[in-house]
Structures are given as structure tokens and as C-alpha cells.
Amino acid sequence: MPELPEVETTRRGIEKHLLRQQVVQVIVRQPALRWPVPASLGKQLPGQRIEQVDRRGKYILLRTERGTVIMHLGMSGSLRVLARDTPVEKHDHVDIVLANGQCLRLRDPRRFGAVLWTTSAAEGHKLLRDLGPEPWDDSFTSAYLYQRSRGKSVAIKNFIMDSKVVVGVGNIYASESLFLAGIRPTVAAGRISKLRYSRLLNNIQQVLEFALQQGGTTLRDFSNSDGKPGYFKQQLNVYGRAGEACHQCSSAIKQKTIGQRSSFYCAECQK
């Protein structure tokens, strides 16, 4: 699944093509995505100009004067800005057609993505209102993590992947951040000290920022808005490296299922 760096890379890639462009048509070829594409989208979005292209967590927000398009890439979705007459392929489900002859096209083979519409404040939408802070928000501090974790027996990896705690720390980046912080992913969140949370917070921000600089992580189902894959995968320390030597101590990287997700760690470097 595309994680925060991939989604932010996509947002940055499409923003320059969409800002101040007028929508003239919405073409929905397959409305049965994760949630049905609302009929109101095709009625209310045309005629509106896209004033902002934002991101909240893993959601991309196209803001207009009348309302906001809320988009999610799901497991396999991608967005492209194309000439409106570009031939349609099998999994091209939604086009937002612009007055300049281009269109924003959602391709989603598994159909776990979403294209929704709200005329209310997007932040109050049921999908967004309970989200935790962004990793770079001023409110995301070690004191915040420490307080939220008190009394929690949940594994630290699951804790930092909880979007109500902090958004955007998906499976890959949680594994990488915990490795750099020297914290084993199975340790109970409530047992971690404020000092270790301070180190973990810095590593979360560092890993996500570096991934953004590299264009996101190359996944089987993802390439960015220019059709180019990310490059962060070349820099991974533990994720996907089960049985390989740790870059720090040469011990074999271990794999364990935590919360139905494959987790990777070094038993020597992470305690």
C-alpha cells in the first residue's frame, strides 16, 4: 500500500498541473471502489476551479470553492495527469477532466481506493476527523507519544502505525524507524521511556523525510505521478530483508508477524 511519502510524492506531482484549473467533467467508469463514488461528484464538481491540492494522512484533498474531493489510493491506486484523449486502460476508473485538455485519472486494479465529495469542511469528514497529528506537526512530540502510550500493552509497532496516534507511519517506515531507534517492534508501547520516545520520534521524521527526498518507496503496485518509481527501497535497513545480514552488526534480520503485518528487525540492535 502506498504510504505517506508515496502519497505526498503523488500530491506534489499532480499539484502543479491542477492548481487553478477548472473542472469541466467527471467521468466515472467504475463507481464501486472501496466506497461508492457519489453521484453528487459529477453534478457539483464541474465548473469549479481547484484552489488547493492538500494531503491529510494518506488522503489527497482537491479543494474548490464549493467543496472538496477526498481521494485515497488504497492498495494499488495511482494518479496520473494525462491528455484527456489518452486511451483508457482496464483499471482506469475515474477521470476528472480539466478545461485545459488534461485530466486527472485514477487507476486502481484492486479497487480499494476512494473518490469522495464533501461540501462541508473536509477536516470534519468521518474519514479525517479522528486522525492524529501529522509527523511534522508541532503537536507531535515525545511528550505526546509518552502520554498517549501510558498503560498501553499494544506492541510499539502497532502503536505508531495507529492513525489516531500519528498519521502516515505505515508498515515499511515503522520497521525502519524502530530499527534506527534501537527498539524491538514487539515491546509494549507503555514500557518505553520518554527518552526512547524522543529518539523514536526523531527517527520517524528522519525516515519519512528521507523517503520523501528519494521519491517514496518502490512497491509492486506504486509509481509516482510521473510514472517513475521511488528510490528509497535501496536504503532499507530491515524491511523485506529477512535472513540477510544487519548493516550494523551482521546478525541475520528476523521476520515476525505483528498485528497481521510482517515485521522485520535485528534482535541484536533492537531491544
C-alpha atoms as a PDB file:
ATOM      1  CA  MET A   1       0.000   0.000   0.000  1.00  0.00           C
ATOM      2  CA  PRO A   2       1.317   3.483  -0.785  1.00  0.00           C
ATOM      3  CA  GLU A   3       2.365   5.123   2.481  1.00  0.00           C
ATOM      4  CA  LEU A   4       2.693   8.789   3.420  1.00  0.00           C
ATOM      5  CA  PRO A   5       5.845   9.509   1.346  1.00  0.00           C
ATOM      6  CA  GLU A   6       4.284   7.906  -1.735  1.00  0.00           C
ATOM      7  CA  VAL A   7       1.043   9.841  -1.254  1.00  0.00           C
ATOM      8  CA  GLU A   8       2.906  13.112  -0.657  1.00  0.00           C
ATOM      9  CA  THR A   9       5.068  12.430  -3.709  1.00  0.00           C
ATOM     10  CA  THR A  10       1.874  11.959  -5.726  1.00  0.00           C
ATOM     11  CA  ARG A  11       0.354  15.143  -4.276  1.00  0.00           C
ATOM     12  CA  ARG A  12       3.404  17.174  -5.200  1.00  0.00           C
ATOM     13  CA  GLY A  13       3.475  15.618  -8.645  1.00  0.00           C
ATOM     14  CA  ILE A  14      -0.137  16.457  -9.539  1.00  0.00           C
ATOM     15  CA  GLU A  15      -0.386  19.805  -7.733  1.00  0.00           C
ATOM     16  CA  LYS A  16       1.448  21.827 -10.375  1.00  0.00           C
ATOM     17  CA  HIS A  17      -0.926  20.525 -13.062  1.00  0.00           C
ATOM     18  CA  LEU A  18      -4.180  21.045 -11.154  1.00  0.00           C
ATOM     19  CA  LEU A  19      -3.911  24.367  -9.324  1.00  0.00           C
ATOM     20  CA  ARG A  20      -6.358  26.997 -10.626  1.00  0.00           C
ATOM     21  CA  GLN A  21      -7.595  24.638 -13.332  1.00  0.00           C
ATOM     22  CA  GLN A  22     -11.315  24.445 -13.978  1.00  0.00           C
ATOM     23  CA  VAL A  23     -13.067  21.069 -13.935  1.00  0.00           C
ATOM     24  CA  VAL A  24     -15.386  20.541 -16.901  1.00  0.00           C
ATOM     25  CA  GLN A  25     -16.426  16.916 -16.458  1.00  0.00           C
ATOM     26  CA  VAL A  26     -16.160  13.918 -14.170  1.00  0.00           C
ATOM     27  CA  ILE A  27     -16.112  10.521 -15.872  1.00  0.00           C
ATOM     28  CA  VAL A  28     -16.820   7.558 -13.599  1.00  0.00           C
ATOM     29  CA  ARG A  29     -16.324   4.224 -15.347  1.00  0.00           C
ATOM     30  CA  GLN A  30     -16.371   2.130 -12.189  1.00  0.00           C
ATOM     31  CA  PRO A  31     -18.207   3.612  -9.187  1.00  0.00           C
ATOM     32  CA  ALA A  32     -17.743   0.524  -6.995  1.00  0.00           C
ATOM     33  CA  LEU A  33     -14.491   1.427  -5.284  1.00  0.00           C
ATOM     34  CA  ARG A  34     -13.887   0.973  -1.551  1.00  0.00           C
ATOM     35  CA  TRP A  35     -16.861   3.255  -1.080  1.00  0.00           C
ATOM     36  CA  PRO A  36     -19.197   4.109  -3.973  1.00  0.00           C
ATOM     37  CA  VAL A  37     -18.215   7.212  -5.927  1.00  0.00           C
ATOM     38  CA  PRO A  38     -21.066   9.639  -5.096  1.00  0.00           C
ATOM     39  CA  ALA A  39     -23.284  10.818  -7.947  1.00  0.00           C
ATOM     40  CA  SER A  40     -23.045  14.330  -6.488  1.00  0.00           C
ATOM     41  CA  LEU A  41     -19.389  14.492  -7.555  1.00  0.00           C
ATOM     42  CA  GLY A  42     -20.276  14.562 -11.240  1.00  0.00           C
ATOM     43  CA  LYS A  43     -23.017  17.109 -10.657  1.00  0.00           C
ATOM     44  CA  GLN A  44     -21.266  19.576  -8.353  1.00  0.00           C
ATOM     45  CA  LEU A  45     -17.559  19.466  -9.245  1.00  0.00           C
ATOM     46  CA  PRO A  46     -17.766  20.584 -12.912  1.00  0.00           C
ATOM     47  CA  GLY A  47     -17.462  24.356 -13.195  1.00  0.00           C
ATOM     48  CA  GLN A  48     -15.285  24.568 -10.084  1.00  0.00           C
ATOM     49  CA  ARG A  49     -11.622  25.564 -10.009  1.00  0.00           C
ATOM     50  CA  ILE A  50      -9.165  23.534  -7.975  1.00  0.00           C
ATOM     51  CA  GLU A  51      -7.825  26.020  -5.439  1.00  0.00           C
ATOM     52  CA  GLN A  52      -5.649  23.747  -3.296  1.00  0.00           C
ATOM     53  CA  VAL A  53      -4.162  20.260  -3.515  1.00  0.00           C
ATOM     54  CA  ASP A  54      -3.571  19.121   0.060  1.00  0.00           C
ATOM     55  CA  ARG A  55      -2.856  15.913   1.934  1.00  0.00           C
ATOM     56  CA  ARG A  56      -4.165  14.690   5.276  1.00  0.00           C
ATOM     57  CA  GLY A  57      -2.651  11.399   6.299  1.00  0.00           C
ATOM     58  CA  LYS A  58      -2.939   9.198   3.212  1.00  0.00           C
ATOM     59  CA  TYR A  59      -5.822  11.204   1.751  1.00  0.00           C
ATOM     60  CA  ILE A  60      -5.346  13.694  -1.084  1.00  0.00           C
ATOM     61  CA  LEU A  61      -7.715  16.666  -0.943  1.00  0.00           C
ATOM     62  CA  LEU A  62      -8.699  18.685  -4.010  1.00  0.00           C
ATOM     63  CA  ARG A  63     -10.282  21.823  -2.585  1.00  0.00           C
ATOM     64  CA  THR A  64     -12.684  24.016  -4.541  1.00  0.00           C
ATOM     65  CA  GLU A  65     -14.954  26.880  -3.521  1.00  0.00           C
ATOM     66  CA  ARG A  66     -17.972  24.561  -3.462  1.00  0.00           C
ATOM     67  CA  GLY A  67     -16.438  21.507  -1.795  1.00  0.00           C
ATOM     68  CA  THR A  68     -13.551  19.054  -1.551  1.00  0.00           C
ATOM     69  CA  VAL A  69     -12.714  15.857  -3.421  1.00  0.00           C
ATOM     70  CA  ILE A  70     -11.287  13.305  -0.981  1.00  0.00           C
ATOM     71  CA  MET A  71      -9.104  10.702  -2.679  1.00  0.00           C
ATOM     72  CA  HIS A  72      -7.345   7.615  -1.349  1.00  0.00           C
ATOM     73  CA  LEU A  73      -5.038   5.356  -3.349  1.00  0.00           C
ATOM     74  CA  GLY A  74      -5.977   2.184  -1.468  1.00  0.00           C
ATOM     75  CA  MET A  75      -3.706  -0.813  -2.020  1.00  0.00           C
ATOM     76  CA  SER A  76      -2.837  -0.318  -5.661  1.00  0.00           C
ATOM     77  CA  GLY A  77      -4.117   3.050  -6.847  1.00  0.00           C
ATOM     78  CA  SER A  78      -2.187   5.699  -8.718  1.00  0.00           C
ATOM     79  CA  LEU A  79      -2.987   9.130 -10.122  1.00  0.00           C
ATOM     80  CA  ARG A  80      -1.783  10.482 -13.455  1.00  0.00           C
ATOM     81  CA  VAL A  81      -2.272  13.808 -15.191  1.00  0.00           C
ATOM     82  CA  LEU A  82      -2.818  12.928 -18.842  1.00  0.00           C
ATOM     83  CA  ALA A  83      -4.222  14.353 -22.060  1.00  0.00           C
ATOM     84  CA  ARG A  84      -7.972  13.810 -21.823  1.00  0.00           C
ATOM     85  CA  ASP A  85      -7.984  11.694 -25.007  1.00  0.00           C
ATOM     86  CA  THR A  86      -5.349   9.258 -23.668  1.00  0.00           C
ATOM     87  CA  PRO A  87      -6.695   5.741 -24.372  1.00  0.00           C
ATOM     88  CA  VAL A  88      -8.428   4.216 -21.362  1.00  0.00           C
ATOM     89  CA  GLU A  89      -6.982   1.025 -19.907  1.00  0.00           C
ATOM     90  CA  LYS A  90      -8.692  -1.737 -17.977  1.00  0.00           C
ATOM     91  CA  HIS A  91      -8.317  -0.342 -14.459  1.00  0.00           C
ATOM     92  CA  ASP A  92      -8.808   3.370 -15.217  1.00  0.00           C
ATOM     93  CA  HIS A  93     -11.894   4.074 -13.136  1.00  0.00           C
ATOM     94  CA  VAL A  94     -12.276   7.850 -12.709  1.00  0.00           C
ATOM     95  CA  ASP A  95     -11.268  10.897 -14.765  1.00  0.00           C
ATOM     96  CA  ILE A  96     -11.509  14.487 -13.551  1.00  0.00           C
ATOM     97  CA  VAL A  97     -11.399  16.365 -16.844  1.00  0.00           C
ATOM     98  CA  LEU A  98      -9.933  19.884 -16.928  1.00  0.00           C
ATOM     99  CA  ALA A  99     -10.645  22.816 -19.216  1.00  0.00           C
ATOM    100  CA  ASN A 100      -7.026  22.824 -20.450  1.00  0.00           C
ATOM    101  CA  GLY A 101      -7.484  19.454 -22.174  1.00  0.00           C
ATOM    102  CA  GLN A 102      -5.886  17.339 -19.475  1.00  0.00           C
ATOM    103  CA  CYS A 103      -7.432  15.013 -16.940  1.00  0.00           C
ATOM    104  CA  LEU A 104      -6.566  13.549 -13.564  1.00  0.00           C
ATOM    105  CA  ARG A 105      -7.007   9.789 -13.923  1.00  0.00           C
ATOM    106  CA  LEU A 106      -7.316   7.251 -11.122  1.00  0.00           C
ATOM    107  CA  ARG A 107      -6.084   3.773 -11.926  1.00  0.00           C
ATOM    108  CA  ASP A 108      -6.841   1.187  -9.259  1.00  0.00           C
ATOM    109  CA  PRO A 109      -6.608  -2.527 -10.124  1.00  0.00           C
ATOM    110  CA  ARG A 110      -7.793  -3.744  -6.713  1.00  0.00           C
ATOM    111  CA  ARG A 111     -10.455  -1.049  -6.281  1.00  0.00           C
ATOM    112  CA  PHE A 112      -9.617  -0.350  -2.626  1.00  0.00           C
ATOM    113  CA  GLY A 113      -9.143   3.340  -3.361  1.00  0.00           C
ATOM    114  CA  ALA A 114     -11.730   6.076  -2.944  1.00  0.00           C
ATOM    115  CA  VAL A 115     -13.033   9.201  -4.655  1.00  0.00           C
ATOM    116  CA  LEU A 116     -15.483  11.050  -2.407  1.00  0.00           C
ATOM    117  CA  TRP A 117     -17.038  14.515  -2.290  1.00  0.00           C
ATOM    118  CA  THR A 118     -17.990  16.750   0.612  1.00  0.00           C
ATOM    119  CA  THR A 119     -19.405  20.253   0.705  1.00  0.00           C
ATOM    120  CA  SER A 120     -18.634  20.574   4.420  1.00  0.00           C
ATOM    121  CA  ALA A 121     -15.205  21.213   5.929  1.00  0.00           C
ATOM    122  CA  ALA A 122     -13.089  18.254   4.849  1.00  0.00           C
ATOM    123  CA  GLU A 123     -11.408  18.015   8.253  1.00  0.00           C
ATOM    124  CA  GLY A 124     -14.784  17.172   9.783  1.00  0.00           C
ATOM    125  CA  HIS A 125     -15.416  14.260   7.405  1.00  0.00           C
ATOM    126  CA  LYS A 126     -15.766  10.913   9.178  1.00  0.00           C
ATOM    127  CA  LEU A 127     -12.600   9.623   7.473  1.00  0.00           C
ATOM    128  CA  LEU A 128     -10.473  12.561   8.642  1.00  0.00           C
ATOM    129  CA  ARG A 129     -11.875  13.900  11.902  1.00  0.00           C
ATOM    130  CA  ASP A 130     -10.250  11.323  14.205  1.00  0.00           C
ATOM    131  CA  LEU A 131      -6.821  11.312  12.592  1.00  0.00           C
ATOM    132  CA  GLY A 132      -3.827  12.017  14.791  1.00  0.00           C
ATOM    133  CA  PRO A 133      -1.228  14.701  14.090  1.00  0.00           C
ATOM    134  CA  GLU A 134       0.999  14.734  11.031  1.00  0.00           C
ATOM    135  CA  PRO A 135       4.570  13.564  11.737  1.00  0.00           C
ATOM    136  CA  TRP A 136       5.876  17.137  11.347  1.00  0.00           C
ATOM    137  CA  ASP A 137       3.131  18.906  13.335  1.00  0.00           C
ATOM    138  CA  ASP A 138       4.223  20.891  16.380  1.00  0.00           C
ATOM    139  CA  SER A 139       1.806  18.790  18.440  1.00  0.00           C
ATOM    140  CA  PHE A 140       3.652  15.585  17.566  1.00  0.00           C
ATOM    141  CA  THR A 141       6.204  15.482  20.387  1.00  0.00           C
ATOM    142  CA  SER A 142       7.894  12.866  22.534  1.00  0.00           C
ATOM    143  CA  ALA A 143       5.776  14.053  25.469  1.00  0.00           C
ATOM    144  CA  TYR A 144       2.650  13.447  23.376  1.00  0.00           C
ATOM    145  CA  LEU A 145       3.752   9.920  22.439  1.00  0.00           C
ATOM    146  CA  TYR A 146       4.750   9.157  26.007  1.00  0.00           C
ATOM    147  CA  GLN A 147       1.396  10.278  27.420  1.00  0.00           C
ATOM    148  CA  ARG A 148      -0.653   8.501  24.735  1.00  0.00           C
ATOM    149  CA  SER A 149       1.241   5.266  25.385  1.00  0.00           C
ATOM    150  CA  ARG A 150       0.826   5.082  29.152  1.00  0.00           C
ATOM    151  CA  GLY A 151      -0.882   1.861  30.172  1.00  0.00           C
ATOM    152  CA  LYS A 152      -0.841   0.519  26.609  1.00  0.00           C
ATOM    153  CA  SER A 153       0.135  -3.133  26.196  1.00  0.00           C
ATOM    154  CA  VAL A 154      -0.088  -2.956  22.396  1.00  0.00           C
ATOM    155  CA  ALA A 155       3.191  -3.555  20.553  1.00  0.00           C
ATOM    156  CA  ILE A 156       5.071  -0.330  19.839  1.00  0.00           C
ATOM    157  CA  LYS A 157       4.986  -1.026  16.092  1.00  0.00           C
ATOM    158  CA  ASN A 158       1.192  -1.197  16.103  1.00  0.00           C
ATOM    159  CA  PHE A 159       1.034   1.869  18.334  1.00  0.00           C
ATOM    160  CA  ILE A 160       2.943   4.126  15.947  1.00  0.00           C
ATOM    161  CA  MET A 161       1.012   2.698  12.988  1.00  0.00           C
ATOM    162  CA  ASP A 162      -2.300   3.718  14.572  1.00  0.00           C
ATOM    163  CA  SER A 163      -3.544   6.686  12.525  1.00  0.00           C
ATOM    164  CA  LYS A 164      -5.333   8.031  15.605  1.00  0.00           C
ATOM    165  CA  VAL A 165      -1.933   8.376  17.280  1.00  0.00           C
ATOM    166  CA  VAL A 166       0.001   9.738  14.283  1.00  0.00           C
ATOM    167  CA  VAL A 167      -0.776   9.570  10.579  1.00  0.00           C
ATOM    168  CA  GLY A 168       1.348   8.127   7.841  1.00  0.00           C
ATOM    169  CA  VAL A 169       3.676   5.747   9.681  1.00  0.00           C
ATOM    170  CA  GLY A 170       2.933   2.641   7.669  1.00  0.00           C
ATOM    171  CA  ASN A 171       4.490  -0.785   7.832  1.00  0.00           C
ATOM    172  CA  ILE A 172       7.739  -0.086   5.995  1.00  0.00           C
ATOM    173  CA  TYR A 173       8.560   3.157   7.767  1.00  0.00           C
ATOM    174  CA  ALA A 174       7.549   1.845  11.194  1.00  0.00           C
ATOM    175  CA  SER A 175      10.025  -1.029  10.814  1.00  0.00           C
ATOM    176  CA  GLU A 176      12.776   1.294   9.628  1.00  0.00           C
ATOM    177  CA  SER A 177      12.179   3.904  12.354  1.00  0.00           C
ATOM    178  CA  LEU A 178      12.176   1.316  15.126  1.00  0.00           C
ATOM    179  CA  PHE A 179      15.435  -0.119  13.832  1.00  0.00           C
ATOM    180  CA  LEU A 180      17.141   3.260  13.895  1.00  0.00           C
ATOM    181  CA  ALA A 181      15.767   3.921  17.382  1.00  0.00           C
ATOM    182  CA  GLY A 182      17.020   0.520  18.618  1.00  0.00           C
ATOM    183  CA  ILE A 183      13.537  -0.526  19.759  1.00  0.00           C
ATOM    184  CA  ARG A 184      12.233  -4.039  19.118  1.00  0.00           C
ATOM    185  CA  PRO A 185       8.805  -3.850  17.414  1.00  0.00           C
ATOM    186  CA  THR A 186       7.191  -6.258  19.902  1.00  0.00           C
ATOM    187  CA  VAL A 187       7.897  -4.168  23.031  1.00  0.00           C
ATOM    188  CA  ALA A 188       4.734  -2.851  24.718  1.00  0.00           C
ATOM    189  CA  ALA A 189       4.198   0.836  23.959  1.00  0.00           C
ATOM    190  CA  GLY A 190       3.570   1.556  27.636  1.00  0.00           C
ATOM    191  CA  ARG A 191       7.008   0.238  28.657  1.00  0.00           C
ATOM    192  CA  ILE A 192       9.006   2.703  26.564  1.00  0.00           C
ATOM    193  CA  SER A 193      10.572   5.700  28.308  1.00  0.00           C
ATOM    194  CA  LYS A 194      10.156   9.324  27.277  1.00  0.00           C
ATOM    195  CA  LEU A 195      13.832   9.415  26.283  1.00  0.00           C
ATOM    196  CA  ARG A 196      13.388   6.481  23.912  1.00  0.00           C
ATOM    197  CA  TYR A 197      10.236   8.086  22.502  1.00  0.00           C
ATOM    198  CA  SER A 198      12.268  11.211  21.804  1.00  0.00           C
ATOM    199  CA  ARG A 199      14.738   9.146  19.801  1.00  0.00           C
ATOM    200  CA  LEU A 200      11.921   7.282  18.030  1.00  0.00           C
ATOM    201  CA  LEU A 201      10.133  10.493  17.084  1.00  0.00           C
ATOM    202  CA  ASN A 202      13.304  11.895  15.548  1.00  0.00           C
ATOM    203  CA  ASN A 203      13.822   8.686  13.607  1.00  0.00           C
ATOM    204  CA  ILE A 204      10.229   8.645  12.320  1.00  0.00           C
ATOM    205  CA  GLN A 205      10.648  12.169  10.991  1.00  0.00           C
ATOM    206  CA  GLN A 206      14.096  11.393   9.590  1.00  0.00           C
ATOM    207  CA  VAL A 207      12.973   8.239   7.766  1.00  0.00           C
ATOM    208  CA  LEU A 208       9.863   9.851   6.296  1.00  0.00           C
ATOM    209  CA  GLU A 209      11.731  12.969   5.222  1.00  0.00           C
ATOM    210  CA  PHE A 210      14.471  10.935   3.556  1.00  0.00           C
ATOM    211  CA  ALA A 211      11.871   8.798   1.790  1.00  0.00           C
ATOM    212  CA  LEU A 212      10.213  11.969   0.510  1.00  0.00           C
ATOM    213  CA  GLN A 213      13.529  13.224  -0.820  1.00  0.00           C
ATOM    214  CA  GLN A 214      14.026   9.928  -2.617  1.00  0.00           C
ATOM    215  CA  GLY A 215      10.529   9.931  -4.114  1.00  0.00           C
ATOM    216  CA  GLY A 216       8.896   7.298  -1.947  1.00  0.00           C
ATOM    217  CA  THR A 217       9.466   3.564  -1.733  1.00  0.00           C
ATOM    218  CA  THR A 218       9.174   1.396  -4.818  1.00  0.00           C
ATOM    219  CA  LEU A 219       6.333  -1.070  -4.273  1.00  0.00           C
ATOM    220  CA  ARG A 220       4.936  -3.565  -6.753  1.00  0.00           C
ATOM    221  CA  ASP A 221       1.758  -1.527  -7.198  1.00  0.00           C
ATOM    222  CA  PHE A 222       3.091   2.008  -6.990  1.00  0.00           C
ATOM    223  CA  SER A 223       4.856   4.516  -9.130  1.00  0.00           C
ATOM    224  CA  ASN A 224       4.611   8.251  -8.715  1.00  0.00           C
ATOM    225  CA  SER A 225       2.614  10.726 -10.759  1.00  0.00           C
ATOM    226  CA  ASP A 226       5.286  10.953 -13.458  1.00  0.00           C
ATOM    227  CA  GLY A 227       5.321   7.167 -13.811  1.00  0.00           C
ATOM    228  CA  LYS A 228       8.729   6.924 -12.158  1.00  0.00           C
ATOM    229  CA  PRO A 229       9.260   4.632  -9.149  1.00  0.00           C
ATOM    230  CA  GLY A 230      10.664   5.835  -5.868  1.00  0.00           C
ATOM    231  CA  TYR A 231      14.190   5.014  -4.794  1.00  0.00           C
ATOM    232  CA  PHE A 232      14.037   4.678  -1.026  1.00  0.00           C
ATOM    233  CA  LYS A 233      13.865   0.880  -1.238  1.00  0.00           C
ATOM    234  CA  GLN A 234      17.586   0.823  -1.932  1.00  0.00           C
ATOM    235  CA  GLN A 235      18.166   2.354   1.517  1.00  0.00           C
ATOM    236  CA  LEU A 236      16.096  -0.068   3.634  1.00  0.00           C
ATOM    237  CA  ASN A 237      17.852  -1.439   6.713  1.00  0.00           C
ATOM    238  CA  VAL A 238      15.455  -4.198   7.764  1.00  0.00           C
ATOM    239  CA  TYR A 239      12.174  -4.198   5.848  1.00  0.00           C
ATOM    240  CA  GLY A 240      11.981  -7.120   3.416  1.00  0.00           C
ATOM    241  CA  ARG A 241      15.478  -8.316   4.390  1.00  0.00           C
ATOM    242  CA  ALA A 242      14.646 -11.397   6.485  1.00  0.00           C
ATOM    243  CA  GLY A 243      17.680 -13.686   6.738  1.00  0.00           C
ATOM    244  CA  GLU A 244      20.063 -11.068   5.376  1.00  0.00           C
ATOM    245  CA  ALA A 245      22.885  -9.564   7.412  1.00  0.00           C
ATOM    246  CA  CYS A 246      22.180  -6.489   9.526  1.00  0.00           C
ATOM    247  CA  HIS A 247      24.088  -3.488   8.204  1.00  0.00           C
ATOM    248  CA  GLN A 248      25.195  -2.612  11.758  1.00  0.00           C
ATOM    249  CA  CYS A 249      26.091  -5.916  13.422  1.00  0.00           C
ATOM    250  CA  SER A 250      25.912  -8.575  10.664  1.00  0.00           C
ATOM    251  CA  SER A 251      23.324 -10.648  12.560  1.00  0.00           C
ATOM    252  CA  ALA A 252      20.527 -12.126  10.466  1.00  0.00           C
ATOM    253  CA  ILE A 253      17.435  -9.916  10.162  1.00  0.00           C
ATOM    254  CA  LYS A 254      14.387 -11.599  11.687  1.00  0.00           C
ATOM    255  CA  GLN A 255      10.793 -11.566  10.496  1.00  0.00           C
ATOM    256  CA  LYS A 256       7.731 -11.773  12.723  1.00  0.00           C
ATOM    257  CA  THR A 257       4.019 -11.191  12.175  1.00  0.00           C
ATOM    258  CA  ILE A 258       2.722  -8.434  14.432  1.00  0.00           C
ATOM    259  CA  GLY A 259      -0.873  -7.327  14.096  1.00  0.00           C
ATOM    260  CA  GLN A 260      -1.231  -9.328  10.858  1.00  0.00           C
ATOM    261  CA  ARG A 261       1.688  -7.416   9.305  1.00  0.00           C
ATOM    262  CA  SER A 262       5.138  -8.744   8.502  1.00  0.00           C
ATOM    263  CA  SER A 263       7.679  -7.025  10.729  1.00  0.00           C
ATOM    264  CA  PHE A 264      11.443  -7.034  10.328  1.00  0.00           C
ATOM    265  CA  TYR A 265      14.045  -6.329  12.996  1.00  0.00           C
ATOM    266  CA  CYS A 266      17.526  -7.111  14.296  1.00  0.00           C
ATOM    267  CA  ALA A 267      17.424  -8.963  17.602  1.00  0.00           C
ATOM    268  CA  GLU A 268      20.907  -7.685  18.491  1.00  0.00           C
ATOM    269  CA  CYS A 269      20.432  -3.997  17.673  1.00  0.00           C
ATOM    270  CA  GLN A 270      16.835  -3.661  18.858  1.00  0.00           C
ATOM    271  CA  LYS A 271      15.899  -4.297  22.484  1.00  0.00           C
END
